Amino acid sequence: MKLSKIALCAALVAAFSMPFTAQAAKGERKNKKKAAAPAFSTLDKNSDSSISKDEYVAAMKDSIGEETANTQFASMDKDNDGKLSSEEYSASAGKKGKGKKKKNN
């Protein structure tokens, strides 16, 4: 009988602590997503006023992975010329991490 009470108490403690653990993990993921995008000039290593795919992937692969960097570059390169203008970069960097805001009526 004593063993079943201990097991029941342990199960209750585990059940009540799970939501707090999940919430803490969710908060850590949010903080990672809010990391600021590097400045355009930081990514433009050869100072040609554009960011090539190689420049972008080299700068971003450590933080987001090479595959994700390639995918992001492709989505940011709106005119498909193989490089990002400051306008393309700014437009895409400004959208990252922003969700739809509710209107207060």
PDB file of N, CA and C in Angstrom:
ATOM      1  N   MET A   1       0.820  -1.192   0.000  1.00  0.00           N
ATOM      2  CA  MET A   1       0.000   0.000   0.000  1.00  0.00           C
ATOM      3  C   MET A   1       0.862   1.252   0.000  1.00  0.00           C
ATOM      4  N   LYS A   2       1.951   1.238   0.797  1.00  0.00           N
ATOM      5  CA  LYS A   2       2.822   2.392   0.890  1.00  0.00           C
ATOM      6  C   LYS A   2       3.493   2.673  -0.463  1.00  0.00           C
ATOM      7  N   LEU A   3       3.882   1.609  -1.155  1.00  0.00           N
ATOM      8  CA  LEU A   3       4.533   1.742  -2.453  1.00  0.00           C
ATOM      9  C   LEU A   3       3.603   2.374  -3.477  1.00  0.00           C
ATOM     10  N   SER A   4       2.329   2.023  -3.476  1.00  0.00           N
ATOM     11  CA  SER A   4       1.393   2.596  -4.441  1.00  0.00           C
ATOM     12  C   SER A   4       1.155   4.079  -4.163  1.00  0.00           C
ATOM     13  N   LYS A   5       1.197   4.497  -2.901  1.00  0.00           N
ATOM     14  CA  LYS A   5       1.055   5.920  -2.572  1.00  0.00           C
ATOM     15  C   LYS A   5       2.265   6.710  -3.077  1.00  0.00           C
ATOM     16  N   ILE A   6       3.439   6.127  -2.915  1.00  0.00           N
ATOM     17  CA  ILE A   6       4.656   6.779  -3.397  1.00  0.00           C
ATOM     18  C   ILE A   6       4.613   6.903  -4.919  1.00  0.00           C
ATOM     19  N   ALA A   7       4.189   5.839  -5.593  1.00  0.00           N
ATOM     20  CA  ALA A   7       4.092   5.859  -7.057  1.00  0.00           C
ATOM     21  C   ALA A   7       3.071   6.892  -7.510  1.00  0.00           C
ATOM     22  N   LEU A   8       1.943   6.971  -6.788  1.00  0.00           N
ATOM     23  CA  LEU A   8       0.915   7.945  -7.130  1.00  0.00           C
ATOM     24  C   LEU A   8       1.442   9.378  -6.949  1.00  0.00           C
ATOM     25  N   CYS A   9       2.139   9.616  -5.851  1.00  0.00           N
ATOM     26  CA  CYS A   9       2.709  10.955  -5.612  1.00  0.00           C
ATOM     27  C   CYS A   9       3.732  11.316  -6.684  1.00  0.00           C
ATOM     28  N   ALA A  10       4.584  10.359  -7.049  1.00  0.00           N
ATOM     29  CA  ALA A  10       5.587  10.606  -8.088  1.00  0.00           C
ATOM     30  C   ALA A  10       4.921  10.917  -9.423  1.00  0.00           C
ATOM     31  N   ALA A  11       3.854  10.196  -9.746  1.00  0.00           N
ATOM     32  CA  ALA A  11       3.137  10.437 -10.998  1.00  0.00           C
ATOM     33  C   ALA A  11       2.495  11.818 -11.004  1.00  0.00           C
ATOM     34  N   LEU A  12       1.931  12.225  -9.877  1.00  0.00           N
ATOM     35  CA  LEU A  12       1.319  13.555  -9.788  1.00  0.00           C
ATOM     36  C   LEU A  12       2.361  14.664  -9.931  1.00  0.00           C
ATOM     37  N   VAL A  13       3.487  14.501  -9.273  1.00  0.00           N
ATOM     38  CA  VAL A  13       4.558  15.495  -9.387  1.00  0.00           C
ATOM     39  C   VAL A  13       5.021  15.606 -10.836  1.00  0.00           C
ATOM     40  N   ALA A  14       5.219  14.476 -11.477  1.00  0.00           N
ATOM     41  CA  ALA A  14       5.651  14.481 -12.875  1.00  0.00           C
ATOM     42  C   ALA A  14       4.606  15.141 -13.769  1.00  0.00           C
ATOM     43  N   ALA A  15       3.348  14.842 -13.540  1.00  0.00           N
ATOM     44  CA  ALA A  15       2.278  15.404 -14.365  1.00  0.00           C
ATOM     45  C   ALA A  15       2.184  16.919 -14.208  1.00  0.00           C
ATOM     46  N   PHE A  16       2.361  17.405 -12.998  1.00  0.00           N
ATOM     47  CA  PHE A  16       2.261  18.848 -12.760  1.00  0.00           C
ATOM     48  C   PHE A  16       3.504  19.606 -13.226  1.00  0.00           C
ATOM     49  N   SER A  17       4.652  18.952 -13.259  1.00  0.00           N
ATOM     50  CA  SER A  17       5.868  19.650 -13.663  1.00  0.00           C
ATOM     51  C   SER A  17       6.062  19.687 -15.173  1.00  0.00           C
ATOM     52  N   MET A  18       5.427  18.803 -15.923  1.00  0.00           N
ATOM     53  CA  MET A  18       5.593  18.759 -17.381  1.00  0.00           C
ATOM     54  C   MET A  18       5.222  20.070 -18.074  1.00  0.00           C
ATOM     55  N   PRO A  19       4.093  20.672 -17.767  1.00  0.00           N
ATOM     56  CA  PRO A  19       3.769  21.929 -18.452  1.00  0.00           C
ATOM     57  C   PRO A  19       4.808  23.024 -18.225  1.00  0.00           C
ATOM     58  N   PHE A  20       5.400  23.064 -17.039  1.00  0.00           N
ATOM     59  CA  PHE A  20       6.408  24.083 -16.749  1.00  0.00           C
ATOM     60  C   PHE A  20       7.677  23.837 -17.546  1.00  0.00           C
ATOM     61  N   THR A  21       8.043  22.573 -17.680  1.00  0.00           N
ATOM     62  CA  THR A  21       9.222  22.216 -18.467  1.00  0.00           C
ATOM     63  C   THR A  21       8.990  22.553 -19.936  1.00  0.00           C
ATOM     64  N   ALA A  22       7.811  22.235 -20.446  1.00  0.00           N
ATOM     65  CA  ALA A  22       7.490  22.530 -21.848  1.00  0.00           C
ATOM     66  C   ALA A  22       7.470  24.037 -22.091  1.00  0.00           C
ATOM     67  N   GLN A  23       6.941  24.790 -21.144  1.00  0.00           N
ATOM     68  CA  GLN A  23       6.891  26.249 -21.293  1.00  0.00           C
ATOM     69  C   GLN A  23       8.291  26.837 -21.306  1.00  0.00           C
ATOM     70  N   ALA A  24       9.175  26.332 -20.468  1.00  0.00           N
ATOM     71  CA  ALA A  24      10.553  26.829 -20.440  1.00  0.00           C
ATOM     72  C   ALA A  24      11.251  26.558 -21.767  1.00  0.00           C
ATOM     73  N   ALA A  25      11.045  25.374 -22.325  1.00  0.00           N
ATOM     74  CA  ALA A  25      11.645  25.041 -23.616  1.00  0.00           C
ATOM     75  C   ALA A  25      11.094  25.928 -24.720  1.00  0.00           C
ATOM     76  N   LYS A  26       9.803  26.221 -24.662  1.00  0.00           N
ATOM     77  CA  LYS A  26       9.177  27.088 -25.659  1.00  0.00           C
ATOM     78  C   LYS A  26       9.787  28.491 -25.591  1.00  0.00           C
ATOM     79  N   GLY A  27      10.022  28.979 -24.391  1.00  0.00           N
ATOM     80  CA  GLY A  27      10.633  30.296 -24.218  1.00  0.00           C
ATOM     81  C   GLY A  27      12.038  30.347 -24.792  1.00  0.00           C
ATOM     82  N   GLU A  28      12.800  29.281 -24.628  1.00  0.00           N
ATOM     83  CA  GLU A  28      14.152  29.230 -25.188  1.00  0.00           C
ATOM     84  C   GLU A  28      14.111  29.264 -26.705  1.00  0.00           C
ATOM     85  N   ARG A  29      13.146  28.549 -27.319  1.00  0.00           N
ATOM     86  CA  ARG A  29      13.031  28.568 -28.782  1.00  0.00           C
ATOM     87  C   ARG A  29      12.667  29.957 -29.274  1.00  0.00           C
ATOM     88  N   LYS A  30      11.770  30.654 -28.564  1.00  0.00           N
ATOM     89  CA  LYS A  30      11.382  32.005 -28.959  1.00  0.00           C
ATOM     90  C   LYS A  30      12.573  32.935 -28.935  1.00  0.00           C
ATOM     91  N   ASN A  31      13.403  32.828 -27.904  1.00  0.00           N
ATOM     92  CA  ASN A  31      14.573  33.691 -27.800  1.00  0.00           C
ATOM     93  C   ASN A  31      15.543  33.458 -28.942  1.00  0.00           C
ATOM     94  N   LYS A  32      15.701  32.230 -29.380  1.00  0.00           N
ATOM     95  CA  LYS A  32      16.586  31.944 -30.500  1.00  0.00           C
ATOM     96  C   LYS A  32      16.039  32.532 -31.793  1.00  0.00           C
ATOM     97  N   LYS A  33      14.719  32.491 -31.967  1.00  0.00           N
ATOM     98  CA  LYS A  33      14.115  33.008 -33.198  1.00  0.00           C
ATOM     99  C   LYS A  33      14.250  34.524 -33.296  1.00  0.00           C
ATOM    100  N   LYS A  34      14.326  35.199 -32.172  1.00  0.00           N
ATOM    101  CA  LYS A  34      14.366  36.649 -32.185  1.00  0.00           C
ATOM    102  C   LYS A  34      15.757  37.220 -32.394  1.00  0.00           C
ATOM    103  N   ALA A  35      16.722  36.385 -32.676  1.00  0.00           N
ATOM    104  CA  ALA A  35      18.073  36.875 -32.906  1.00  0.00           C
ATOM    105  C   ALA A  35      18.062  37.831 -34.098  1.00  0.00           C
ATOM    106  N   ALA A  36      18.737  38.937 -33.942  1.00  0.00           N
ATOM    107  CA  ALA A  36      18.749  39.960 -34.984  1.00  0.00           C
ATOM    108  C   ALA A  36      19.518  39.474 -36.205  1.00  0.00           C
ATOM    109  N   ALA A  37      19.049  39.863 -37.374  1.00  0.00           N
ATOM    110  CA  ALA A  37      19.739  39.523 -38.613  1.00  0.00           C
ATOM    111  C   ALA A  37      21.023  40.353 -38.703  1.00  0.00           C
ATOM    112  N   PRO A  38      22.088  39.762 -39.225  1.00  0.00           N
ATOM    113  CA  PRO A  38      23.329  40.522 -39.375  1.00  0.00           C
ATOM    114  C   PRO A  38      23.137  41.709 -40.320  1.00  0.00           C
ATOM    115  N   ALA A  39      23.900  42.747 -40.113  1.00  0.00           N
ATOM    116  CA  ALA A  39      23.822  43.930 -40.974  1.00  0.00           C
ATOM    117  C   ALA A  39      24.250  43.570 -42.392  1.00  0.00           C
ATOM    118  N   PHE A  40      23.655  44.247 -43.356  1.00  0.00           N
ATOM    119  CA  PHE A  40      23.960  44.009 -44.767  1.00  0.00           C
ATOM    120  C   PHE A  40      25.459  44.118 -45.021  1.00  0.00           C
ATOM    121  N   SER A  41      26.072  45.164 -44.506  1.00  0.00           N
ATOM    122  CA  SER A  41      27.500  45.396 -44.750  1.00  0.00           C
ATOM    123  C   SER A  41      28.379  44.297 -44.154  1.00  0.00           C
ATOM    124  N   THR A  42      27.899  43.663 -43.087  1.00  0.00           N
ATOM    125  CA  THR A  42      28.652  42.562 -42.482  1.00  0.00           C
ATOM    126  C   THR A  42      28.673  41.350 -43.406  1.00  0.00           C
ATOM    127  N   LEU A  43      27.580  41.100 -44.091  1.00  0.00           N
ATOM    128  CA  LEU A  43      27.492  39.952 -44.996  1.00  0.00           C
ATOM    129  C   LEU A  43      28.162  40.214 -46.346  1.00  0.00           C
ATOM    130  N   ASP A  44      28.212  41.464 -46.764  1.00  0.00           N
ATOM    131  CA  ASP A  44      28.803  41.835 -48.058  1.00  0.00           C
ATOM    132  C   ASP A  44      30.326  41.917 -47.913  1.00  0.00           C
ATOM    133  N   LYS A  45      30.966  40.764 -47.895  1.00  0.00           N
ATOM    134  CA  LYS A  45      32.409  40.679 -47.622  1.00  0.00           C
ATOM    135  C   LYS A  45      33.276  41.374 -48.663  1.00  0.00           C
ATOM    136  N   ASN A  46      32.873  41.345 -49.934  1.00  0.00           N
ATOM    137  CA  ASN A  46      33.693  41.968 -50.977  1.00  0.00           C
ATOM    138  C   ASN A  46      33.262  43.401 -51.296  1.00  0.00           C
ATOM    139  N   SER A  47      32.339  43.945 -50.534  1.00  0.00           N
ATOM    140  CA  SER A  47      31.879  45.339 -50.657  1.00  0.00           C
ATOM    141  C   SER A  47      31.428  45.721 -52.063  1.00  0.00           C
ATOM    142  N   ASP A  48      30.696  44.808 -52.718  1.00  0.00           N
ATOM    143  CA  ASP A  48      30.194  45.106 -54.060  1.00  0.00           C
ATOM    144  C   ASP A  48      28.729  45.548 -54.038  1.00  0.00           C
ATOM    145  N   SER A  49      28.224  45.899 -52.870  1.00  0.00           N
ATOM    146  CA  SER A  49      26.845  46.369 -52.680  1.00  0.00           C
ATOM    147  C   SER A  49      25.796  45.304 -52.964  1.00  0.00           C
ATOM    148  N   SER A  50      26.191  44.039 -52.876  1.00  0.00           N
ATOM    149  CA  SER A  50      25.242  42.935 -52.961  1.00  0.00           C
ATOM    150  C   SER A  50      25.813  41.763 -52.178  1.00  0.00           C
ATOM    151  N   ILE A  51      24.929  40.865 -51.770  1.00  0.00           N
ATOM    152  CA  ILE A  51      25.352  39.680 -51.031  1.00  0.00           C
ATOM    153  C   ILE A  51      25.163  38.477 -51.946  1.00  0.00           C
ATOM    154  N   SER A  52      26.260  37.812 -52.266  1.00  0.00           N
ATOM    155  CA  SER A  52      26.167  36.615 -53.099  1.00  0.00           C
ATOM    156  C   SER A  52      25.666  35.456 -52.247  1.00  0.00           C
ATOM    157  N   LYS A  53      25.250  34.409 -52.916  1.00  0.00           N
ATOM    158  CA  LYS A  53      24.786  33.220 -52.210  1.00  0.00           C
ATOM    159  C   LYS A  53      25.909  32.654 -51.343  1.00  0.00           C
ATOM    160  N   ASP A  54      27.121  32.640 -51.886  1.00  0.00           N
ATOM    161  CA  ASP A  54      28.257  32.122 -51.122  1.00  0.00           C
ATOM    162  C   ASP A  54      28.519  32.954 -49.865  1.00  0.00           C
ATOM    163  N   GLU A  55      28.431  34.280 -49.991  1.00  0.00           N
ATOM    164  CA  GLU A  55      28.634  35.148 -48.828  1.00  0.00           C
ATOM    165  C   GLU A  55      27.564  34.887 -47.766  1.00  0.00           C
ATOM    166  N   TYR A  56      26.322  34.774 -48.207  1.00  0.00           N
ATOM    167  CA  TYR A  56      25.215  34.572 -47.278  1.00  0.00           C
ATOM    168  C   TYR A  56      25.335  33.229 -46.564  1.00  0.00           C
ATOM    169  N   VAL A  57      25.555  32.172 -47.334  1.00  0.00           N
ATOM    170  CA  VAL A  57      25.626  30.831 -46.750  1.00  0.00           C
ATOM    171  C   VAL A  57      26.816  30.722 -45.805  1.00  0.00           C
ATOM    172  N   ALA A  58      27.963  31.270 -46.195  1.00  0.00           N
ATOM    173  CA  ALA A  58      29.147  31.214 -45.327  1.00  0.00           C
ATOM    174  C   ALA A  58      28.900  31.908 -43.991  1.00  0.00           C
ATOM    175  N   ALA A  59      28.197  33.032 -44.036  1.00  0.00           N
ATOM    176  CA  ALA A  59      27.935  33.790 -42.813  1.00  0.00           C
ATOM    177  C   ALA A  59      26.877  33.148 -41.936  1.00  0.00           C
ATOM    178  N   MET A  60      25.917  32.460 -42.531  1.00  0.00           N
ATOM    179  CA  MET A  60      24.763  31.968 -41.781  1.00  0.00           C
ATOM    180  C   MET A  60      24.810  30.479 -41.421  1.00  0.00           C
ATOM    181  N   LYS A  61      25.686  29.715 -42.060  1.00  0.00           N
ATOM    182  CA  LYS A  61      25.630  28.262 -41.874  1.00  0.00           C
ATOM    183  C   LYS A  61      25.894  27.822 -40.438  1.00  0.00           C
ATOM    184  N   ASP A  62      26.701  28.553 -39.691  1.00  0.00           N
ATOM    185  CA  ASP A  62      26.958  28.151 -38.300  1.00  0.00           C
ATOM    186  C   ASP A  62      25.740  28.360 -37.410  1.00  0.00           C
ATOM    187  N   SER A  63      24.957  29.379 -37.700  1.00  0.00           N
ATOM    188  CA  SER A  63      23.813  29.669 -36.832  1.00  0.00           C
ATOM    189  C   SER A  63      22.532  28.948 -37.250  1.00  0.00           C
ATOM    190  N   ILE A  64      22.304  28.765 -38.555  1.00  0.00           N
ATOM    191  CA  ILE A  64      21.047  28.148 -38.990  1.00  0.00           C
ATOM    192  C   ILE A  64      21.242  26.900 -39.840  1.00  0.00           C
ATOM    193  N   GLY A  65      22.459  26.573 -40.175  1.00  0.00           N
ATOM    194  CA  GLY A  65      22.733  25.402 -41.001  1.00  0.00           C
ATOM    195  C   GLY A  65      22.799  25.768 -42.474  1.00  0.00           C
ATOM    196  N   GLU A  66      23.619  25.028 -43.196  1.00  0.00           N
ATOM    197  CA  GLU A  66      23.852  25.337 -44.616  1.00  0.00           C
ATOM    198  C   GLU A  66      22.589  25.170 -45.458  1.00  0.00           C
ATOM    199  N   GLU A  67      21.845  24.114 -45.227  1.00  0.00           N
ATOM    200  CA  GLU A  67      20.628  23.871 -46.017  1.00  0.00           C
ATOM    201  C   GLU A  67      19.592  24.980 -45.792  1.00  0.00           C
ATOM    202  N   THR A  68      19.395  25.363 -44.547  1.00  0.00           N
ATOM    203  CA  THR A  68      18.444  26.432 -44.242  1.00  0.00           C
ATOM    204  C   THR A  68      18.920  27.761 -44.824  1.00  0.00           C
ATOM    205  N   ALA A  69      20.224  28.017 -44.772  1.00  0.00           N
ATOM    206  CA  ALA A  69      20.771  29.252 -45.336  1.00  0.00           C
ATOM    207  C   ALA A  69      20.525  29.303 -46.844  1.00  0.00           C
ATOM    208  N   ASN A  70      20.718  28.178 -47.521  1.00  0.00           N
ATOM    209  CA  ASN A  70      20.450  28.121 -48.969  1.00  0.00           C
ATOM    210  C   ASN A  70      18.978  28.377 -49.266  1.00  0.00           C
ATOM    211  N   THR A  71      18.103  27.774 -48.469  1.00  0.00           N
ATOM    212  CA  THR A  71      16.663  27.953 -48.662  1.00  0.00           C
ATOM    213  C   THR A  71      16.257  29.401 -48.416  1.00  0.00           C
ATOM    214  N   GLN A  72      16.781  29.992 -47.339  1.00  0.00           N
ATOM    215  CA  GLN A  72      16.454  31.391 -47.036  1.00  0.00           C
ATOM    216  C   GLN A  72      16.944  32.312 -48.147  1.00  0.00           C
ATOM    217  N   PHE A  73      18.160  32.068 -48.611  1.00  0.00           N
ATOM    218  CA  PHE A  73      18.698  32.913 -49.679  1.00  0.00           C
ATOM    219  C   PHE A  73      17.772  32.867 -50.898  1.00  0.00           C
ATOM    220  N   ALA A  74      17.362  31.673 -51.281  1.00  0.00           N
ATOM    221  CA  ALA A  74      16.494  31.518 -52.453  1.00  0.00           C
ATOM    222  C   ALA A  74      15.175  32.274 -52.274  1.00  0.00           C
ATOM    223  N   SER A  75      14.627  32.247 -51.067  1.00  0.00           N
ATOM    224  CA  SER A  75      13.358  32.949 -50.846  1.00  0.00           C
ATOM    225  C   SER A  75      13.548  34.464 -50.790  1.00  0.00           C
ATOM    226  N   MET A  76      14.719  34.909 -50.400  1.00  0.00           N
ATOM    227  CA  MET A  76      14.989  36.351 -50.319  1.00  0.00           C
ATOM    228  C   MET A  76      15.347  36.951 -51.678  1.00  0.00           C
ATOM    229  N   ASP A  77      15.934  36.150 -52.563  1.00  0.00           N
ATOM    230  CA  ASP A  77      16.378  36.622 -53.878  1.00  0.00           C
ATOM    231  C   ASP A  77      15.181  36.711 -54.824  1.00  0.00           C
ATOM    232  N   LYS A  78      14.415  37.774 -54.700  1.00  0.00           N
ATOM    233  CA  LYS A  78      13.146  37.919 -55.427  1.00  0.00           C
ATOM    234  C   LYS A  78      13.314  37.983 -56.940  1.00  0.00           C
ATOM    235  N   ASP A  79      14.405  38.575 -57.419  1.00  0.00           N
ATOM    236  CA  ASP A  79      14.589  38.670 -58.870  1.00  0.00           C
ATOM    237  C   ASP A  79      15.446  37.530 -59.432  1.00  0.00           C
ATOM    238  N   ASN A  80      15.793  36.564 -58.582  1.00  0.00           N
ATOM    239  CA  ASN A  80      16.541  35.363 -58.992  1.00  0.00           C
ATOM    240  C   ASN A  80      17.814  35.664 -59.771  1.00  0.00           C
ATOM    241  N   ASP A  81      18.546  36.699 -59.329  1.00  0.00           N
ATOM    242  CA  ASP A  81      19.798  37.024 -60.007  1.00  0.00           C
ATOM    243  C   ASP A  81      21.020  36.458 -59.291  1.00  0.00           C
ATOM    244  N   GLY A  82      20.797  35.681 -58.244  1.00  0.00           N
ATOM    245  CA  GLY A  82      21.908  35.054 -57.541  1.00  0.00           C
ATOM    246  C   GLY A  82      22.596  35.938 -56.531  1.00  0.00           C
ATOM    247  N   LYS A  83      22.014  37.087 -56.258  1.00  0.00           N
ATOM    248  CA  LYS A  83      22.576  37.987 -55.249  1.00  0.00           C
ATOM    249  C   LYS A  83      21.448  38.780 -54.607  1.00  0.00           C
ATOM    250  N   LEU A  84      21.709  39.251 -53.412  1.00  0.00           N
ATOM    251  CA  LEU A  84      20.718  40.038 -52.687  1.00  0.00           C
ATOM    252  C   LEU A  84      21.106  41.508 -52.714  1.00  0.00           C
ATOM    253  N   SER A  85      20.192  42.330 -53.169  1.00  0.00           N
ATOM    254  CA  SER A  85      20.392  43.768 -53.066  1.00  0.00           C
ATOM    255  C   SER A  85      20.081  44.173 -51.632  1.00  0.00           C
ATOM    256  N   SER A  86      20.446  45.376 -51.262  1.00  0.00           N
ATOM    257  CA  SER A  86      20.141  45.826 -49.900  1.00  0.00           C
ATOM    258  C   SER A  86      18.634  45.887 -49.689  1.00  0.00           C
ATOM    259  N   GLU A  87      17.875  46.191 -50.743  1.00  0.00           N
ATOM    260  CA  GLU A  87      16.413  46.249 -50.640  1.00  0.00           C
ATOM    261  C   GLU A  87      15.830  44.859 -50.399  1.00  0.00           C
ATOM    262  N   GLU A  88      16.313  43.851 -51.142  1.00  0.00           N
ATOM    263  CA  GLU A  88      15.828  42.483 -50.944  1.00  0.00           C
ATOM    264  C   GLU A  88      16.163  41.995 -49.537  1.00  0.00           C
ATOM    265  N   TYR A  89      17.374  42.274 -49.114  1.00  0.00           N
ATOM    266  CA  TYR A  89      17.804  41.823 -47.793  1.00  0.00           C
ATOM    267  C   TYR A  89      17.001  42.510 -46.694  1.00  0.00           C
ATOM    268  N   SER A  90      16.844  43.813 -46.803  1.00  0.00           N
ATOM    269  CA  SER A  90      16.104  44.559 -45.780  1.00  0.00           C
ATOM    270  C   SER A  90      14.651  44.112 -45.698  1.00  0.00           C
ATOM    271  N   ALA A  91      14.033  43.893 -46.840  1.00  0.00           N
ATOM    272  CA  ALA A  91      12.634  43.462 -46.862  1.00  0.00           C
ATOM    273  C   ALA A  91      12.477  42.103 -46.187  1.00  0.00           C
ATOM    274  N   SER A  92      13.375  41.200 -46.461  1.00  0.00           N
ATOM    275  CA  SER A  92      13.286  39.860 -45.883  1.00  0.00           C
ATOM    276  C   SER A  92      13.715  39.840 -44.429  1.00  0.00           C
ATOM    277  N   ALA A  93      14.762  40.556 -44.079  1.00  0.00           N
ATOM    278  CA  ALA A  93      15.260  40.564 -42.702  1.00  0.00           C
ATOM    279  C   ALA A  93      14.245  41.214 -41.776  1.00  0.00           C
ATOM    280  N   GLY A  94      13.504  42.162 -42.262  1.00  0.00           N
ATOM    281  CA  GLY A  94      12.495  42.835 -41.448  1.00  0.00           C
ATOM    282  C   GLY A  94      11.301  41.955 -41.139  1.00  0.00           C
ATOM    283  N   LYS A  95      11.030  40.963 -41.983  1.00  0.00           N
ATOM    284  CA  LYS A  95       9.879  40.080 -41.801  1.00  0.00           C
ATOM    285  C   LYS A  95      10.176  38.924 -40.861  1.00  0.00           C
ATOM    286  N   LYS A  96      11.434  38.551 -40.687  1.00  0.00           N
ATOM    287  CA  LYS A  96      11.788  37.385 -39.882  1.00  0.00           C
ATOM    288  C   LYS A  96      11.393  37.601 -38.440  1.00  0.00           C
ATOM    289  N   GLY A  97      10.745  36.601 -37.881  1.00  0.00           N
ATOM    290  CA  GLY A  97      10.394  36.624 -36.476  1.00  0.00           C
ATOM    291  C   GLY A  97       9.162  37.436 -36.148  1.00  0.00           C
ATOM    292  N   LYS A  98       8.540  38.057 -37.144  1.00  0.00           N
ATOM    293  CA  LYS A  98       7.346  38.869 -36.877  1.00  0.00           C
ATOM    294  C   LYS A  98       6.109  38.056 -37.215  1.00  0.00           C
ATOM    295  N   GLY A  99       5.193  38.029 -36.303  1.00  0.00           N
ATOM    296  CA  GLY A  99       3.920  37.365 -36.543  1.00  0.00           C
ATOM    297  C   GLY A  99       2.859  38.420 -36.802  1.00  0.00           C
ATOM    298  N   LYS A 100       1.661  37.953 -37.085  1.00  0.00           N
ATOM    299  CA  LYS A 100       0.565  38.891 -37.286  1.00  0.00           C
ATOM    300  C   LYS A 100       0.158  39.452 -35.948  1.00  0.00           C
ATOM    301  N   LYS A 101      -0.029  40.735 -35.893  1.00  0.00           N
ATOM    302  CA  LYS A 101      -0.438  41.381 -34.658  1.00  0.00           C
ATOM    303  C   LYS A 101      -1.948  41.511 -34.635  1.00  0.00           C
ATOM    304  N   LYS A 102      -2.507  41.309 -33.444  1.00  0.00           N
ATOM    305  CA  LYS A 102      -3.942  41.502 -33.292  1.00  0.00           C
ATOM    306  C   LYS A 102      -4.252  42.980 -33.192  1.00  0.00           C
ATOM    307  N   LYS A 103      -5.346  43.338 -33.792  1.00  0.00           N
ATOM    308  CA  LYS A 103      -5.823  44.721 -33.667  1.00  0.00           C
ATOM    309  C   LYS A 103      -6.664  44.825 -32.427  1.00  0.00           C
ATOM    310  N   ASN A 104      -6.432  45.857 -31.675  1.00  0.00           N
ATOM    311  CA  ASN A 104      -7.244  46.093 -30.490  1.00  0.00           C
ATOM    312  C   ASN A 104      -8.440  46.940 -30.877  1.00  0.00           C
ATOM    313  N   ASN A 105      -9.607  46.355 -30.828  1.00  0.00           N
ATOM    314  CA  ASN A 105     -10.824  47.071 -31.191  1.00  0.00           C
ATOM    315  C   ASN A 105     -11.622  47.404 -29.968  1.00  0.00           C
TER     316      ASN A 105
END
